[in-house]
Protein backbone atom coordinates (compact mmCIF):
# COMPACT_ATOMS: atom_id res chain seq x y z
CA MET A 1 81.74 295.47 147.71
CA VAL A 2 84.38 295.01 145.05
CA VAL A 3 84.86 292.24 142.56
CA LEU A 4 88.19 290.75 143.53
CA SER A 5 89.00 288.11 140.95
CA GLY A 6 87.38 285.30 139.08
CA TYR A 7 87.27 283.22 135.94
CA ILE A 8 84.14 283.10 133.83
CA SER A 9 83.43 281.39 130.51
CA SER A 10 80.24 283.16 129.43
CA ASN A 11 80.15 285.27 126.29
CA HIS A 12 77.71 287.99 127.34
CA ARG A 13 78.95 289.68 130.48
CA THR A 14 79.86 293.11 131.83
CA LEU A 15 81.80 294.11 134.93
CA ILE A 16 80.46 297.08 136.86
CA THR A 17 80.84 298.22 140.47
CA ALA A 18 78.16 300.91 140.79
CA ALA A 19 74.39 300.83 140.99
CA PHE A 20 72.74 301.78 137.72
CA ASP A 21 70.09 300.83 135.20
CA VAL A 22 71.63 298.37 132.73
CA GLY A 23 68.55 298.80 130.55
CA HIS A 24 68.51 296.74 127.39
CA SER A 25 72.20 296.65 126.59
CA GLU A 26 73.70 293.17 126.39
CA HIS A 27 77.28 294.11 125.70
CA ARG A 28 78.72 296.49 128.28
CA THR A 29 82.13 296.12 129.80
CA LEU A 30 83.43 298.02 132.82
CA ILE A 31 86.25 296.44 134.80
CA THR A 32 87.64 297.79 138.05
CA ALA A 33 89.79 294.95 139.36
CA PRO A 34 92.56 292.81 137.86
CA PHE A 35 91.48 289.28 137.00
CA ASP A 36 91.38 286.74 134.23
CA VAL A 37 88.37 287.48 132.01
CA GLY A 38 89.06 284.28 130.08
CA HIS A 39 87.55 284.11 126.60
CA SER A 40 84.51 286.29 127.15
CA GLU A 41 84.07 289.58 125.33
CA HIS A 42 80.76 290.56 126.90
CA ARG A 43 80.51 290.06 130.64
CA THR A 44 78.43 291.55 133.44
CA LEU A 45 79.44 291.73 137.09
CA ILE A 46 77.59 294.12 139.37
CA THR A 47 77.69 294.55 143.14
CA ALA A 48 74.76 296.91 143.79
CA PRO A 49 70.98 296.54 143.53
CA PHE A 50 69.55 297.56 140.17
CA ASP A 51 67.01 296.67 137.53
CA VAL A 52 68.38 293.89 135.34
CA GLY A 53 65.66 294.64 132.80
CA HIS A 54 64.86 292.07 130.16
CA SER A 55 68.29 290.63 129.50
CA GLU A 56 68.58 286.86 129.74
CA HIS A 57 72.36 286.70 129.64
CA ARG A 58 73.84 288.68 132.50
CA THR A 59 76.14 287.74 135.32
CA LEU A 60 76.67 289.57 138.58
CA ILE A 61 79.35 288.26 140.89
CA THR A 62 80.84 289.56 144.12
CA ALA A 63 83.24 286.73 144.93
CA PRO A 64 85.84 284.84 142.89
CA PHE A 65 84.66 281.43 141.69
CA ASP A 66 84.22 279.26 138.64
CA VAL A 67 80.74 279.64 137.15
CA GLY A 68 81.32 276.57 134.99
CA HIS A 69 79.96 276.37 131.46
CA SER A 70 76.65 278.19 131.84
CA GLU A 71 75.99 281.11 129.51
CA GLN A 72 72.81 282.27 131.24
CA ARG A 73 73.59 283.07 134.85
CA THR A 74 73.07 286.06 137.10
CA LEU A 75 74.64 286.56 140.50
CA ILE A 76 73.35 289.35 142.70
CA THR A 77 73.68 290.11 146.41
CA ALA A 78 70.83 292.59 146.93
CA PRO A 79 67.05 292.41 146.57
CA PHE A 80 65.79 293.46 143.16
CA ASP A 81 63.29 292.70 140.45
CA VAL A 82 64.58 289.87 138.26
CA GLY A 83 61.97 290.77 135.65
CA HIS A 84 60.95 288.15 133.13
CA SER A 85 64.13 286.13 132.83
CA GLU A 86 63.80 282.39 133.43
CA HIS A 87 67.51 281.61 133.45
CA ARG A 88 69.25 283.55 136.18
CA THR A 89 71.48 282.65 139.07
CA LEU A 90 72.11 284.72 142.17
CA ILE A 91 74.97 283.66 144.41
CA THR A 92 76.72 285.34 147.33
CA ALA A 93 79.43 282.78 148.12
CA PRO A 94 82.20 281.21 146.03
CA PHE A 95 81.43 277.70 144.78
CA ASP A 96 81.17 275.57 141.69
CA VAL A 97 77.71 275.89 140.14
CA GLY A 98 78.37 272.87 137.95
CA HIS A 99 76.82 272.45 134.52
CA SER A 100 73.26 273.58 135.14
CA GLU A 101 71.96 276.35 132.87
CA HIS A 102 68.77 277.11 134.77
CA ARG A 103 69.49 277.97 138.38
CA THR A 104 68.68 280.85 140.68
CA LEU A 105 70.27 281.44 144.06
CA ILE A 106 69.01 284.36 146.11
CA THR A 107 69.62 285.49 149.67
CA ALA A 108 67.07 288.31 150.02
CA PRO A 109 63.30 288.56 149.60
CA PHE A 110 62.20 289.85 146.21
CA ASP A 111 59.81 289.30 143.35
CA VAL A 112 60.89 286.19 141.45
CA GLY A 113 58.56 287.10 138.61
CA HIS A 114 57.24 284.36 136.34
CA SER A 115 59.96 281.73 136.64
CA GLU A 116 58.98 278.23 137.71
CA GLN A 117 62.49 276.79 137.89
CA ARG A 118 64.46 278.72 140.46
CA THR A 119 66.68 277.81 143.34
CA LEU A 120 67.40 279.92 146.39
CA ILE A 121 70.45 279.02 148.44
CA THR A 122 72.50 280.94 150.99
CA ALA A 123 75.52 278.69 151.56
CA PRO A 124 78.45 277.65 149.34
CA PHE A 125 78.12 274.14 147.95
CA ASP A 126 78.23 272.05 144.80
CA VAL A 127 74.83 272.16 143.11
CA GLY A 128 75.87 269.24 140.91
CA HIS A 129 73.94 268.40 137.75
CA SER A 130 70.37 269.01 138.85
CA GLU A 131 68.42 271.47 136.69
CA HIS A 132 65.37 271.85 138.92
CA ARG A 133 66.23 272.32 142.57
CA THR A 134 64.49 274.60 145.03
CA LEU A 135 65.92 275.67 148.36
CA ILE A 136 64.33 278.68 150.03
CA THR A 137 65.60 280.42 153.15
CA ALA A 138 63.42 283.55 153.26
CA GLN A 139 59.74 284.32 152.97
CA PHE A 140 58.73 286.10 149.76
């Protein structure tokens, strides 16, 4: 898949289109498609499964949408090990994630690690202002 376009307001992101080990780097930037990167200098968009390591501030997106004001979100479309991060968001459809900083949307079975506040959703929708929602659609 290819990142088409999108506007993001996070300050720690990187855009990448190949599977790889992002390791411990928080400030990588690889862009392969034209779009408005807004005010962010450090963004992360990835479209292949990989090990997100220990970073708490990464964002992986495969569809254009407004991620709102959250600085700690992660969007991924393949199963993977989310490690020890408690503040990640995985989304596979465009939608407004609102103002929540602690959400996780996943569409494939995987190891959710040690997080107690995650949300798994497989359809586009407005998650509103709730910080602690849990919708699960797969066994894991």
